[in-house]
Amino acid sequence: MPPDNRPGAFFLKYIQTKFSTNRIFIRLYLMDRDYSKLTLGFSPCPNDTFIFDAMVHGKIDTEGIEFDVFMEDVEALNQRAFSGNIDITKLSYHAFAHLAGQFALLNAGSALGNNCGPLLVAKKPMTRDEITSARIAIPGKMTTANFLLGLAFPEAVNKHPVLFSDIEEAVLRGDADAGLIIHENRFTYEQKGLVKIIDLGEFWESTTGYPIPLGGIVASRSLPADVQKKVNRIMRRSVEYAFNNRENVMPFVRCYAQAMEDDVMMSHIGLYVNNFTIDLGDIGKGAVQYMMDVAAEKGLIGKVRDNLFVS
């Protein structure tokens, strides 16, 4: 394979050996990388576009770093992270539980708080037995929403991934008996004639005493420590800019809000962007650590790392 001689590229060299009838290919990565441009993934949801606008549009000091942006649904971002093909990304905390060995969590940028969890909805009230046997539309297997559903209803296994914005319609059409909704759908399901079965955020908070960790911003551990710290500073600056200059960031938010009404858009941002987004602090870090410990106790992940956070 010919080497890629572009600046900042990975040079690949293959050594082929033969053992019995099998061929073993060893890929050697000789890194000569320029860290002044990093790949960055986040969703088009209002809470993400709100906090990322300043850093991707040069409204703050990015300390010489430019960002090559990927905007995708959160489950697509989760899967991109599993492939290892991203430097910085929004990640569901459920996915982070599996990827903490590959990524470190930034102190800034998280969606974490109270009364902001996913909702299980249906066309009519359901008993626990009905939920257990129901066909449930979920926004992705690696979403924190699905993790919480598994904690509340471990017997409910007939779950099918559906794009989060299509879940309400899937329930209304009868393609699913219930749907696990996130993001702005929290504000629209009643208008469409659906009823809330359970608020999984309330379930988490009442059983743990912690605010609910939904999604965070992570940096690849392959990045040098000083670059990770630099990105952490940039992320905090970007969030603080958004808080202090709301009108300056709203055009970017509206651009991807899919004709969402302004009051719904602002409610969405108010629900998921708060002081924990500026800095997790001890309480936020405690909530994340507790979620990782629960995942380990349930056998979903191995031993939890000591250093989950960029430091």
Protein backbone atom coordinates (compact mmCIF):
# COMPACT_ATOMS: atom_id res chain seq x y z
CA MET A 1 0.00 0.00 0.00
CA PRO A 2 1.58 3.30 -1.03
CA PRO A 3 2.18 5.78 1.79
CA ASP A 4 -0.06 8.82 2.16
CA ASN A 5 2.41 11.71 2.16
CA ARG A 6 -0.08 14.43 3.02
CA PRO A 7 0.83 16.44 6.14
CA GLY A 8 -0.81 15.02 9.24
CA ALA A 9 -1.70 11.69 7.66
CA PHE A 10 -1.08 8.27 9.09
CA PHE A 11 1.62 6.34 7.29
CA LEU A 12 0.77 2.70 6.94
CA LYS A 13 3.17 -0.12 6.40
CA TYR A 14 2.12 -3.72 6.14
CA ILE A 15 4.27 -6.64 7.10
CA GLN A 16 3.03 -9.94 5.77
CA THR A 17 4.13 -13.20 7.34
CA LYS A 18 2.91 -16.74 6.94
CA PHE A 19 2.05 -19.14 9.74
CA SER A 20 0.79 -22.59 8.62
CA THR A 21 -1.96 -21.80 6.12
CA ASN A 22 -2.92 -18.48 7.68
CA ARG A 23 -1.59 -15.11 6.72
CA ILE A 24 -1.03 -12.61 9.48
CA PHE A 25 -1.10 -8.96 8.58
CA ILE A 26 0.46 -6.55 11.03
CA ARG A 27 -0.41 -2.91 10.50
CA LEU A 28 2.16 -0.48 11.80
CA TYR A 29 1.05 3.09 12.39
CA LEU A 30 3.85 5.60 12.11
CA MET A 31 2.30 8.78 13.34
CA ASP A 32 3.32 12.20 12.13
CA ARG A 33 0.23 14.20 12.90
CA ASP A 34 -0.64 17.86 12.99
CA TYR A 35 -3.08 18.46 15.86
CA SER A 36 -4.18 21.88 14.65
CA LYS A 37 -7.23 20.31 12.95
CA LEU A 38 -9.42 17.82 14.78
CA THR A 39 -12.54 15.92 13.78
CA LEU A 40 -15.58 16.87 15.86
CA GLY A 41 -18.97 15.21 16.04
CA PHE A 42 -22.20 16.55 17.53
CA SER A 43 -25.90 16.31 16.80
CA PRO A 44 -28.12 18.91 15.07
CA CYS A 45 -30.30 19.11 18.21
CA PRO A 46 -30.66 22.62 19.68
CA ASN A 47 -28.71 21.90 22.86
CA ASP A 48 -25.68 20.81 20.80
CA THR A 49 -25.75 23.51 18.15
CA PHE A 50 -26.21 26.05 20.96
CA ILE A 51 -23.03 25.06 22.80
CA PHE A 52 -20.84 24.30 19.76
CA ASP A 53 -21.60 27.37 17.62
CA ALA A 54 -18.86 29.58 19.04
CA MET A 55 -16.03 27.06 18.73
CA VAL A 56 -16.84 25.94 15.19
CA HIS A 57 -17.41 29.47 13.88
CA GLY A 58 -14.38 31.20 15.38
CA LYS A 59 -16.30 33.34 17.88
CA ILE A 60 -13.90 32.42 20.69
CA ASP A 61 -10.21 31.67 21.06
CA THR A 62 -9.71 28.08 19.87
CA GLU A 63 -5.98 28.15 20.67
CA GLY A 64 -5.02 27.47 17.06
CA ILE A 65 -7.32 24.46 16.58
CA GLU A 66 -9.78 24.14 13.70
CA PHE A 67 -12.56 21.57 13.64
CA ASP A 68 -13.73 19.29 10.86
CA VAL A 69 -17.39 18.84 11.85
CA PHE A 70 -19.66 15.80 11.52
CA MET A 71 -23.31 16.43 12.45
CA GLU A 72 -25.27 13.23 13.02
CA ASP A 73 -27.98 11.69 15.18
CA VAL A 74 -26.61 10.71 18.60
CA GLU A 75 -26.76 6.97 17.88
CA ALA A 76 -24.82 7.51 14.64
CA LEU A 77 -22.25 9.43 16.69
CA ASN A 78 -22.11 6.54 19.16
CA GLN A 79 -21.39 4.12 16.33
CA ARG A 80 -18.76 6.44 14.83
CA ALA A 81 -17.03 6.48 18.22
CA PHE A 82 -17.09 2.68 18.37
CA SER A 83 -15.30 2.66 15.01
CA GLY A 84 -12.63 4.93 16.49
CA ASN A 85 -13.01 7.36 13.60
CA ILE A 86 -13.35 10.64 15.54
CA ASP A 87 -11.20 12.89 17.74
CA ILE A 88 -13.86 14.75 19.73
CA THR A 89 -17.52 13.78 19.89
CA LYS A 90 -20.83 13.95 21.68
CA LEU A 91 -21.46 10.53 23.16
CA SER A 92 -24.29 8.93 25.09
CA TYR A 93 -23.16 8.06 28.59
CA HIS A 94 -24.27 4.48 27.96
CA ALA A 95 -21.86 4.33 25.01
CA PHE A 96 -19.15 6.02 27.07
CA ALA A 97 -19.44 3.23 29.63
CA HIS A 98 -18.22 0.87 26.89
CA LEU A 99 -15.66 3.26 25.42
CA ALA A 100 -13.97 4.79 28.47
CA GLY A 101 -10.78 3.00 27.50
CA GLN A 102 -10.68 4.85 24.17
CA PHE A 103 -12.09 8.24 25.20
CA ALA A 104 -11.78 10.63 28.14
CA LEU A 105 -14.69 12.81 29.26
CA LEU A 106 -14.42 16.59 29.07
CA ASN A 107 -15.51 18.54 32.14
CA ALA A 108 -17.51 20.89 29.89
CA GLY A 109 -20.29 20.18 27.41
CA SER A 110 -22.37 17.53 29.19
CA ALA A 111 -26.15 17.19 29.08
CA LEU A 112 -26.80 16.30 32.69
CA GLY A 113 -29.46 17.53 35.08
CA ASN A 114 -32.78 17.04 36.81
CA ASN A 115 -36.20 16.42 35.29
CA CYS A 116 -34.73 15.97 31.82
CA GLY A 117 -34.77 12.23 31.30
CA PRO A 118 -36.29 10.14 28.50
CA LEU A 119 -40.00 9.31 28.57
CA LEU A 120 -41.73 6.05 27.77
CA VAL A 121 -44.98 6.93 25.96
CA ALA A 122 -47.87 5.03 24.41
CA LYS A 123 -51.38 5.58 23.06
CA LYS A 124 -52.89 4.48 26.38
CA PRO A 125 -51.71 3.69 29.93
CA MET A 126 -49.91 0.37 30.31
CA THR A 127 -49.32 -1.98 33.23
CA ARG A 128 -45.87 -3.34 34.06
CA ASP A 129 -46.83 -6.70 32.54
CA GLU A 130 -47.95 -4.95 29.35
CA ILE A 131 -44.68 -3.01 29.17
CA THR A 132 -42.70 -6.21 29.61
CA SER A 133 -44.33 -7.80 26.55
CA ALA A 134 -44.65 -4.61 24.48
CA ARG A 135 -42.90 -3.80 21.22
CA ILE A 136 -40.89 -0.73 22.20
CA ALA A 137 -39.29 1.74 19.79
CA ILE A 138 -35.98 3.02 21.20
CA PRO A 139 -33.64 5.75 19.90
CA GLY A 140 -30.66 3.38 19.78
CA LYS A 141 -29.18 0.46 21.66
CA MET A 142 -26.27 2.50 23.00
CA THR A 143 -28.31 5.52 24.10
CA THR A 144 -28.55 6.37 27.77
CA ALA A 145 -32.32 6.20 27.30
CA ASN A 146 -32.10 2.49 26.51
CA PHE A 147 -29.77 1.94 29.46
CA LEU A 148 -32.33 3.53 31.81
CA LEU A 149 -35.18 1.53 30.28
CA GLY A 150 -33.20 -1.63 30.97
CA LEU A 151 -32.75 -0.61 34.61
CA ALA A 152 -36.44 0.16 35.10
CA PHE A 153 -37.82 -2.76 33.06
CA PRO A 154 -35.13 -5.43 32.66
CA GLU A 155 -37.73 -7.91 31.40
CA ALA A 156 -38.69 -5.67 28.47
CA VAL A 157 -36.51 -7.06 25.68
CA ASN A 158 -38.67 -6.60 22.57
CA LYS A 159 -36.95 -3.34 21.68
CA HIS A 160 -36.29 -1.99 18.19
CA PRO A 161 -34.07 0.98 17.23
CA VAL A 162 -35.89 3.83 15.45
CA LEU A 163 -34.58 7.29 14.57
CA PHE A 164 -35.48 9.40 17.62
CA SER A 165 -37.54 11.90 15.61
CA ASP A 166 -39.69 9.08 14.15
CA ILE A 167 -40.58 7.30 17.38
CA GLU A 168 -43.85 9.14 18.08
CA GLU A 169 -45.14 8.36 14.61
CA ALA A 170 -44.12 4.71 14.94
CA VAL A 171 -46.32 4.43 18.04
CA LEU A 172 -49.21 6.30 16.44
CA ARG A 173 -49.08 4.03 13.36
CA GLY A 174 -49.08 0.93 15.54
CA ASP A 175 -45.59 -0.15 14.47
CA ALA A 176 -44.70 -0.09 18.18
CA ASP A 177 -46.79 -0.43 21.32
CA ALA A 178 -44.68 2.11 23.19
CA GLY A 179 -41.88 4.51 22.38
CA LEU A 180 -38.88 5.83 24.29
CA ILE A 181 -38.64 9.52 23.42
CA ILE A 182 -35.81 11.98 23.94
CA HIS A 183 -34.90 15.56 23.00
CA GLU A 184 -37.67 17.90 21.81
CA ASN A 185 -40.21 15.07 21.58
CA ARG A 186 -40.69 15.53 25.33
CA PHE A 187 -42.55 18.71 24.43
CA THR A 188 -44.72 17.39 21.59
CA TYR A 189 -45.99 13.91 22.49
CA GLU A 190 -49.12 15.15 24.31
CA GLN A 191 -50.16 17.28 21.33
CA LYS A 192 -50.08 14.11 19.25
CA GLY A 193 -52.37 12.21 21.62
CA LEU A 194 -49.78 10.08 23.40
CA VAL A 195 -49.58 9.54 27.15
CA LYS A 196 -46.59 9.25 29.47
CA ILE A 197 -46.05 5.81 30.98
CA ILE A 198 -42.95 6.69 33.00
CA ASP A 199 -40.35 9.44 33.21
CA LEU A 200 -37.07 7.52 33.36
CA GLY A 201 -35.26 10.63 34.57
CA GLU A 202 -37.51 10.72 37.64
CA PHE A 203 -36.93 6.98 38.06
CA TRP A 204 -33.14 7.49 38.04
CA GLU A 205 -33.21 10.48 40.38
CA SER A 206 -35.58 8.88 42.90
CA THR A 207 -33.54 5.66 43.09
CA THR A 208 -30.03 7.18 43.05
CA GLY A 209 -30.32 10.75 44.35
CA TYR A 210 -28.13 11.93 41.45
CA PRO A 211 -28.90 14.14 38.46
CA ILE A 212 -29.18 12.09 35.29
CA PRO A 213 -26.15 11.87 32.94
CA LEU A 214 -27.50 11.77 29.37
CA GLY A 215 -24.65 12.69 27.06
CA GLY A 216 -21.15 14.11 27.32
CA ILE A 217 -18.32 15.34 25.15
CA VAL A 218 -15.31 13.05 24.93
CA ALA A 219 -11.79 13.29 23.55
CA SER A 220 -9.88 10.39 22.05
CA ARG A 221 -7.18 9.12 24.39
CA SER A 222 -4.95 8.89 21.32
CA LEU A 223 -4.68 12.70 21.47
CA PRO A 224 -1.78 14.03 23.55
CA ALA A 225 -2.77 15.10 27.06
CA ASP A 226 -2.06 18.77 26.33
CA VAL A 227 -4.38 18.66 23.30
CA GLN A 228 -7.14 17.07 25.37
CA LYS A 229 -6.79 19.83 27.97
CA LYS A 230 -6.80 22.47 25.26
CA VAL A 231 -10.06 21.09 23.84
CA ASN A 232 -11.55 21.07 27.33
CA ARG A 233 -10.77 24.79 27.71
CA ILE A 234 -12.19 25.55 24.26
CA MET A 235 -15.39 23.63 25.03
CA ARG A 236 -15.96 25.55 28.24
CA ARG A 237 -15.31 28.85 26.47
CA SER A 238 -17.86 27.92 23.81
CA VAL A 239 -20.54 27.06 26.38
CA GLU A 240 -19.91 30.25 28.32
CA TYR A 241 -20.12 32.29 25.12
CA ALA A 242 -23.51 30.70 24.33
CA PHE A 243 -24.84 31.56 27.79
CA ASN A 244 -23.67 35.16 27.51
CA ASN A 245 -24.53 35.73 23.82
CA ARG A 246 -27.72 33.77 23.19
CA GLU A 247 -28.92 35.82 20.24
CA ASN A 248 -25.56 35.46 18.49
CA VAL A 249 -25.74 31.66 18.52
CA MET A 250 -29.45 31.23 17.75
CA PRO A 251 -29.13 31.55 13.93
CA PHE A 252 -26.99 28.39 13.91
CA VAL A 253 -29.47 26.66 16.21
CA ARG A 254 -32.46 27.59 14.01
CA CYS A 255 -30.62 26.44 10.90
CA TYR A 256 -30.82 22.82 12.11
CA ALA A 257 -33.99 22.96 14.21
CA GLN A 258 -36.24 21.46 11.47
CA ALA A 259 -38.89 24.18 11.60
CA MET A 260 -39.16 23.77 15.37
CA GLU A 261 -41.12 26.54 17.06
CA ASP A 262 -38.97 28.96 19.05
CA ASP A 263 -40.65 28.19 22.37
CA VAL A 264 -39.98 24.45 21.91
CA MET A 265 -36.40 25.21 20.85
CA MET A 266 -35.75 27.35 23.91
CA SER A 267 -37.40 24.79 26.22
CA HIS A 268 -35.13 22.14 24.71
CA ILE A 269 -32.02 24.23 25.36
CA GLY A 270 -33.18 25.15 28.86
CA LEU A 271 -33.74 21.50 29.72
CA TYR A 272 -30.35 20.17 28.66
CA VAL A 273 -27.95 23.13 28.97
CA ASN A 274 -27.18 24.24 32.52
CA ASN A 275 -24.35 24.75 34.99
CA PHE A 276 -23.28 21.11 34.57
CA THR A 277 -22.69 21.94 30.89
CA ILE A 278 -20.15 24.57 31.91
CA ASP A 279 -18.44 22.27 34.39
CA LEU A 280 -19.51 18.88 35.74
CA GLY A 281 -18.11 19.67 39.18
CA ASP A 282 -18.06 17.13 41.98
CA ILE A 283 -21.80 16.36 41.81
CA GLY A 284 -21.77 15.83 38.05
CA LYS A 285 -18.66 13.66 38.19
CA GLY A 286 -20.21 11.69 41.03
CA ALA A 287 -23.32 11.03 38.92
CA VAL A 288 -21.21 9.84 35.98
CA GLN A 289 -19.09 7.62 38.22
CA TYR A 290 -22.22 6.13 39.80
CA MET A 291 -23.69 5.32 36.37
CA MET A 292 -20.45 3.59 35.37
CA ASP A 293 -20.48 1.60 38.62
CA VAL A 294 -24.09 0.51 38.01
CA ALA A 295 -23.20 -0.59 34.47
CA ALA A 296 -20.32 -2.64 35.87
CA GLU A 297 -22.54 -4.21 38.55
CA LYS A 298 -25.06 -5.22 35.88
CA GLY A 299 -22.27 -6.88 33.90
CA LEU A 300 -22.66 -4.47 30.99
CA ILE A 301 -19.04 -3.37 31.14
CA GLY A 302 -15.83 -4.53 32.79
CA LYS A 303 -14.01 -2.82 35.63
CA VAL A 304 -14.50 0.95 35.61
CA ARG A 305 -11.38 3.00 34.84
CA ASP A 306 -9.94 5.22 37.56
CA ASN A 307 -9.37 8.17 35.20
CA LEU A 308 -12.63 8.77 33.35
CA PHE A 309 -12.08 12.52 32.91
CA VAL A 310 -9.69 14.80 31.08
CA SER A 311 -7.39 16.16 33.76
